[in-house]
N, C-alpha and C. Protein backbone atom coordinates (compact mmCIF):
# COMPACT_ATOMS: atom_id res chain seq x y z
N MET A 1 0.84 -1.19 0.00
CA MET A 1 0.00 0.00 0.00
C MET A 1 0.88 1.24 0.00
N TYR A 2 0.44 2.25 -0.69
CA TYR A 2 1.15 3.51 -0.76
C TYR A 2 0.47 4.51 0.17
N GLY A 3 1.24 5.35 0.80
CA GLY A 3 0.68 6.33 1.71
C GLY A 3 0.36 5.70 3.05
N LEU A 4 0.62 6.41 4.09
CA LEU A 4 0.36 5.95 5.45
C LEU A 4 -1.03 6.41 5.86
N ARG A 5 -1.87 5.49 6.32
CA ARG A 5 -3.20 5.87 6.80
C ARG A 5 -3.07 6.65 8.09
N VAL A 6 -3.84 7.74 8.18
CA VAL A 6 -3.81 8.58 9.37
C VAL A 6 -5.22 8.85 9.86
N SER A 7 -5.33 9.16 11.12
CA SER A 7 -6.61 9.54 11.72
C SER A 7 -6.93 10.99 11.36
N GLY A 8 -8.15 11.40 11.64
CA GLY A 8 -8.54 12.78 11.40
C GLY A 8 -7.70 13.75 12.21
N ALA A 9 -7.42 13.40 13.47
CA ALA A 9 -6.61 14.27 14.33
C ALA A 9 -5.20 14.42 13.77
N LYS A 10 -4.58 13.33 13.33
CA LYS A 10 -3.24 13.39 12.75
C LYS A 10 -3.26 14.18 11.44
N ALA A 11 -4.29 13.99 10.63
CA ALA A 11 -4.40 14.72 9.36
C ALA A 11 -4.48 16.23 9.63
N LYS A 12 -5.23 16.62 10.64
CA LYS A 12 -5.33 18.05 10.98
C LYS A 12 -3.98 18.62 11.38
N LYS A 13 -3.20 17.86 12.13
CA LYS A 13 -1.87 18.31 12.53
C LYS A 13 -0.96 18.46 11.31
N LEU A 14 -1.04 17.50 10.40
CA LEU A 14 -0.22 17.57 9.19
C LEU A 14 -0.57 18.80 8.35
N VAL A 15 -1.87 19.05 8.19
CA VAL A 15 -2.31 20.21 7.40
C VAL A 15 -1.90 21.51 8.10
N ALA A 16 -2.03 21.55 9.41
CA ALA A 16 -1.61 22.74 10.17
C ALA A 16 -0.11 23.00 10.01
N SER A 17 0.65 21.92 9.74
CA SER A 17 2.10 22.04 9.54
C SER A 17 2.48 22.29 8.08
N GLY A 18 1.48 22.44 7.21
CA GLY A 18 1.77 22.78 5.82
C GLY A 18 1.46 21.73 4.78
N ALA A 19 0.94 20.58 5.18
CA ALA A 19 0.60 19.55 4.20
C ALA A 19 -0.53 20.05 3.29
N ILE A 20 -0.50 19.63 2.05
CA ILE A 20 -1.54 19.95 1.08
C ILE A 20 -2.65 18.91 1.23
N LEU A 21 -3.87 19.39 1.40
CA LEU A 21 -5.03 18.51 1.59
C LEU A 21 -5.71 18.31 0.24
N ILE A 22 -5.81 17.06 -0.19
CA ILE A 22 -6.36 16.73 -1.50
C ILE A 22 -7.66 15.95 -1.35
N ASP A 23 -8.71 16.48 -1.95
CA ASP A 23 -10.01 15.80 -2.02
C ASP A 23 -10.04 15.07 -3.35
N ALA A 24 -10.01 13.74 -3.30
CA ALA A 24 -9.95 12.92 -4.51
C ALA A 24 -11.33 12.61 -5.08
N ARG A 25 -12.37 13.13 -4.45
CA ARG A 25 -13.73 12.84 -4.91
C ARG A 25 -14.04 13.63 -6.18
N ASP A 26 -15.15 13.29 -6.81
CA ASP A 26 -15.54 13.99 -8.04
C ASP A 26 -15.92 15.45 -7.74
N ALA A 27 -15.98 16.24 -8.80
CA ALA A 27 -16.23 17.69 -8.65
C ALA A 27 -17.58 17.98 -7.99
N ILE A 28 -18.58 17.18 -8.25
CA ILE A 28 -19.90 17.42 -7.64
C ILE A 28 -19.84 17.20 -6.13
N SER A 29 -19.21 16.12 -5.70
CA SER A 29 -19.06 15.87 -4.26
C SER A 29 -18.25 16.97 -3.61
N PHE A 30 -17.20 17.40 -4.28
CA PHE A 30 -16.37 18.49 -3.77
C PHE A 30 -17.20 19.76 -3.61
N ARG A 31 -17.97 20.08 -4.61
CA ARG A 31 -18.82 21.27 -4.59
C ARG A 31 -19.87 21.21 -3.48
N ASP A 32 -20.38 20.02 -3.23
CA ASP A 32 -21.42 19.85 -2.23
C ASP A 32 -20.90 19.90 -0.80
N GLY A 33 -19.59 19.89 -0.62
CA GLY A 33 -19.03 20.01 0.71
C GLY A 33 -17.72 19.28 0.86
N THR A 34 -16.71 20.02 1.22
CA THR A 34 -15.39 19.43 1.42
C THR A 34 -14.81 19.97 2.71
N ILE A 35 -13.60 19.64 2.99
CA ILE A 35 -12.89 20.16 4.14
C ILE A 35 -12.30 21.51 3.76
N ALA A 36 -12.45 22.49 4.63
CA ALA A 36 -11.91 23.83 4.35
C ALA A 36 -10.43 23.74 4.01
N GLY A 37 -10.06 24.36 2.89
CA GLY A 37 -8.67 24.39 2.46
C GLY A 37 -8.28 23.27 1.52
N ALA A 38 -9.15 22.28 1.34
CA ALA A 38 -8.84 21.17 0.44
C ALA A 38 -8.90 21.61 -1.01
N ILE A 39 -8.07 20.98 -1.83
CA ILE A 39 -8.14 21.20 -3.27
C ILE A 39 -8.73 19.95 -3.90
N ASN A 40 -9.50 20.13 -4.94
CA ASN A 40 -10.09 18.99 -5.65
C ASN A 40 -9.09 18.52 -6.69
N LEU A 41 -8.71 17.27 -6.60
CA LEU A 41 -7.73 16.73 -7.52
C LEU A 41 -8.20 15.37 -8.03
N PRO A 42 -8.95 15.40 -9.13
CA PRO A 42 -9.32 14.12 -9.73
C PRO A 42 -8.06 13.41 -10.22
N LEU A 43 -8.15 12.12 -10.35
CA LEU A 43 -7.00 11.30 -10.72
C LEU A 43 -6.32 11.78 -12.00
N TYR A 44 -7.10 12.21 -12.98
CA TYR A 44 -6.50 12.62 -14.26
C TYR A 44 -5.66 13.89 -14.15
N ARG A 45 -5.74 14.60 -13.02
CA ARG A 45 -4.96 15.83 -12.83
C ARG A 45 -3.77 15.66 -11.89
N VAL A 46 -3.48 14.44 -11.47
CA VAL A 46 -2.43 14.22 -10.48
C VAL A 46 -1.07 14.73 -10.95
N ALA A 47 -0.81 14.74 -12.24
CA ALA A 47 0.48 15.21 -12.76
C ALA A 47 0.73 16.67 -12.40
N GLU A 48 -0.31 17.44 -12.12
CA GLU A 48 -0.15 18.84 -11.73
C GLU A 48 0.65 18.98 -10.43
N MET A 49 0.67 17.97 -9.62
CA MET A 49 1.38 18.02 -8.34
C MET A 49 2.89 17.90 -8.51
N MET A 50 3.35 17.54 -9.71
CA MET A 50 4.78 17.34 -9.94
C MET A 50 5.57 18.63 -9.83
N ARG A 51 4.92 19.77 -9.85
CA ARG A 51 5.63 21.05 -9.74
C ARG A 51 6.05 21.35 -8.30
N HIS A 52 5.54 20.57 -7.35
CA HIS A 52 5.86 20.78 -5.94
C HIS A 52 7.19 20.11 -5.58
N ASP A 53 7.86 20.68 -4.60
CA ASP A 53 9.05 20.09 -4.02
C ASP A 53 8.70 18.69 -3.51
N ARG A 54 9.56 17.72 -3.71
CA ARG A 54 9.28 16.33 -3.33
C ARG A 54 9.19 16.16 -1.81
N ARG A 55 9.59 17.18 -1.05
CA ARG A 55 9.50 17.10 0.41
C ARG A 55 8.14 17.57 0.93
N VAL A 56 7.29 18.09 0.05
CA VAL A 56 5.96 18.53 0.45
C VAL A 56 5.15 17.34 0.95
N SER A 57 4.34 17.57 1.97
CA SER A 57 3.46 16.52 2.48
C SER A 57 2.07 16.66 1.87
N PHE A 58 1.43 15.53 1.63
CA PHE A 58 0.07 15.49 1.10
C PHE A 58 -0.80 14.63 2.00
N VAL A 59 -2.02 15.08 2.25
CA VAL A 59 -3.04 14.28 2.90
C VAL A 59 -4.16 14.12 1.88
N VAL A 60 -4.44 12.89 1.49
CA VAL A 60 -5.42 12.59 0.45
C VAL A 60 -6.62 11.90 1.09
N PHE A 61 -7.83 12.31 0.68
CA PHE A 61 -9.02 11.62 1.16
C PHE A 61 -10.03 11.47 0.03
N GLY A 62 -10.89 10.46 0.21
CA GLY A 62 -11.95 10.20 -0.75
C GLY A 62 -13.24 9.90 -0.03
N ASP A 63 -14.04 9.01 -0.61
CA ASP A 63 -15.35 8.68 -0.03
C ASP A 63 -15.28 7.61 1.05
N GLY A 64 -14.17 6.99 1.24
CA GLY A 64 -14.05 5.94 2.25
C GLY A 64 -12.72 5.23 2.11
N PRO A 65 -12.46 4.25 2.96
CA PRO A 65 -11.16 3.59 2.97
C PRO A 65 -10.81 2.84 1.68
N GLN A 66 -11.80 2.51 0.89
CA GLN A 66 -11.53 1.80 -0.36
C GLN A 66 -11.75 2.68 -1.60
N ASP A 67 -11.77 3.99 -1.42
CA ASP A 67 -11.98 4.91 -2.55
C ASP A 67 -10.82 4.76 -3.53
N GLU A 68 -11.12 4.27 -4.72
CA GLU A 68 -10.09 3.96 -5.71
C GLU A 68 -9.31 5.20 -6.14
N ASN A 69 -9.97 6.34 -6.31
CA ASN A 69 -9.26 7.55 -6.71
C ASN A 69 -8.24 7.97 -5.65
N ALA A 70 -8.65 7.97 -4.38
CA ALA A 70 -7.73 8.34 -3.31
C ALA A 70 -6.55 7.37 -3.24
N LEU A 71 -6.83 6.09 -3.36
CA LEU A 71 -5.75 5.09 -3.33
C LEU A 71 -4.79 5.28 -4.50
N GLN A 72 -5.32 5.54 -5.68
CA GLN A 72 -4.46 5.73 -6.86
C GLN A 72 -3.64 7.01 -6.76
N ILE A 73 -4.22 8.07 -6.25
CA ILE A 73 -3.48 9.33 -6.10
C ILE A 73 -2.33 9.14 -5.12
N THR A 74 -2.57 8.47 -3.99
CA THR A 74 -1.47 8.24 -3.04
C THR A 74 -0.38 7.38 -3.69
N LYS A 75 -0.80 6.42 -4.50
CA LYS A 75 0.19 5.58 -5.20
C LYS A 75 1.03 6.42 -6.16
N TYR A 76 0.38 7.21 -7.01
CA TYR A 76 1.12 8.00 -7.99
C TYR A 76 2.05 9.01 -7.33
N LEU A 77 1.58 9.67 -6.28
CA LEU A 77 2.45 10.63 -5.60
C LEU A 77 3.68 9.93 -5.02
N SER A 78 3.47 8.76 -4.45
CA SER A 78 4.59 8.00 -3.89
C SER A 78 5.55 7.55 -4.99
N VAL A 79 5.01 7.02 -6.08
CA VAL A 79 5.83 6.57 -7.19
C VAL A 79 6.61 7.73 -7.82
N TYR A 80 6.02 8.92 -7.85
CA TYR A 80 6.68 10.09 -8.42
C TYR A 80 7.71 10.69 -7.48
N GLY A 81 7.93 10.07 -6.31
CA GLY A 81 9.03 10.50 -5.45
C GLY A 81 8.64 11.32 -4.24
N PHE A 82 7.36 11.52 -4.01
CA PHE A 82 6.94 12.22 -2.80
C PHE A 82 6.99 11.23 -1.64
N SER A 83 7.70 11.57 -0.59
CA SER A 83 7.87 10.63 0.51
C SER A 83 6.91 10.86 1.66
N ASN A 84 6.21 11.97 1.67
CA ASN A 84 5.30 12.30 2.77
C ASN A 84 3.86 12.32 2.26
N VAL A 85 3.34 11.14 1.99
CA VAL A 85 1.98 10.99 1.46
C VAL A 85 1.15 10.23 2.48
N TYR A 86 0.04 10.82 2.86
CA TYR A 86 -0.82 10.25 3.90
C TYR A 86 -2.23 10.07 3.34
N LEU A 87 -2.91 9.06 3.86
CA LEU A 87 -4.25 8.75 3.40
C LEU A 87 -5.22 8.83 4.57
N LEU A 88 -6.18 9.74 4.45
CA LEU A 88 -7.27 9.88 5.41
C LEU A 88 -8.45 9.14 4.80
N ASP A 89 -9.08 8.25 5.55
CA ASP A 89 -10.13 7.42 4.96
C ASP A 89 -11.27 8.23 4.35
N SER A 90 -11.71 9.29 5.02
CA SER A 90 -12.82 10.06 4.47
C SER A 90 -12.97 11.40 5.19
N LYS A 91 -13.79 12.24 4.63
CA LYS A 91 -14.12 13.53 5.24
C LYS A 91 -14.75 13.32 6.61
N VAL A 92 -15.49 12.26 6.77
CA VAL A 92 -16.15 11.94 8.04
C VAL A 92 -15.10 11.79 9.16
N ASP A 93 -13.97 11.13 8.85
CA ASP A 93 -12.92 10.96 9.85
C ASP A 93 -12.34 12.30 10.28
N TRP A 94 -12.23 13.23 9.36
CA TRP A 94 -11.76 14.57 9.68
C TRP A 94 -12.76 15.25 10.60
N ASP A 95 -14.03 15.16 10.24
CA ASP A 95 -15.09 15.83 10.99
C ASP A 95 -15.23 15.27 12.41
N LYS A 96 -14.93 13.99 12.60
CA LYS A 96 -15.07 13.36 13.91
C LYS A 96 -13.99 13.77 14.89
N SER A 97 -12.86 14.24 14.39
CA SER A 97 -11.75 14.54 15.29
C SER A 97 -11.79 15.96 15.81
């Protein structure tokens, strides 16, 4: 598995420390409500992240622990050389913490 799974509380700490929060859900779900500060990054746009320093941290979330887009984005970021990639199971986990 790529990316380390984190709790909502840990994800909040990472974002407060400068991690980029990525909402891997579709544009409609993003529009209907996301986490403040999150960017919408569908899988087909993941290459846009290559402009960032490889030391940047990312917290990626989707619709749940098996969200294919979130899992694929964490994989691609890791394969492209980003070493600080974290996976939050869902927006609900963020909201609970």
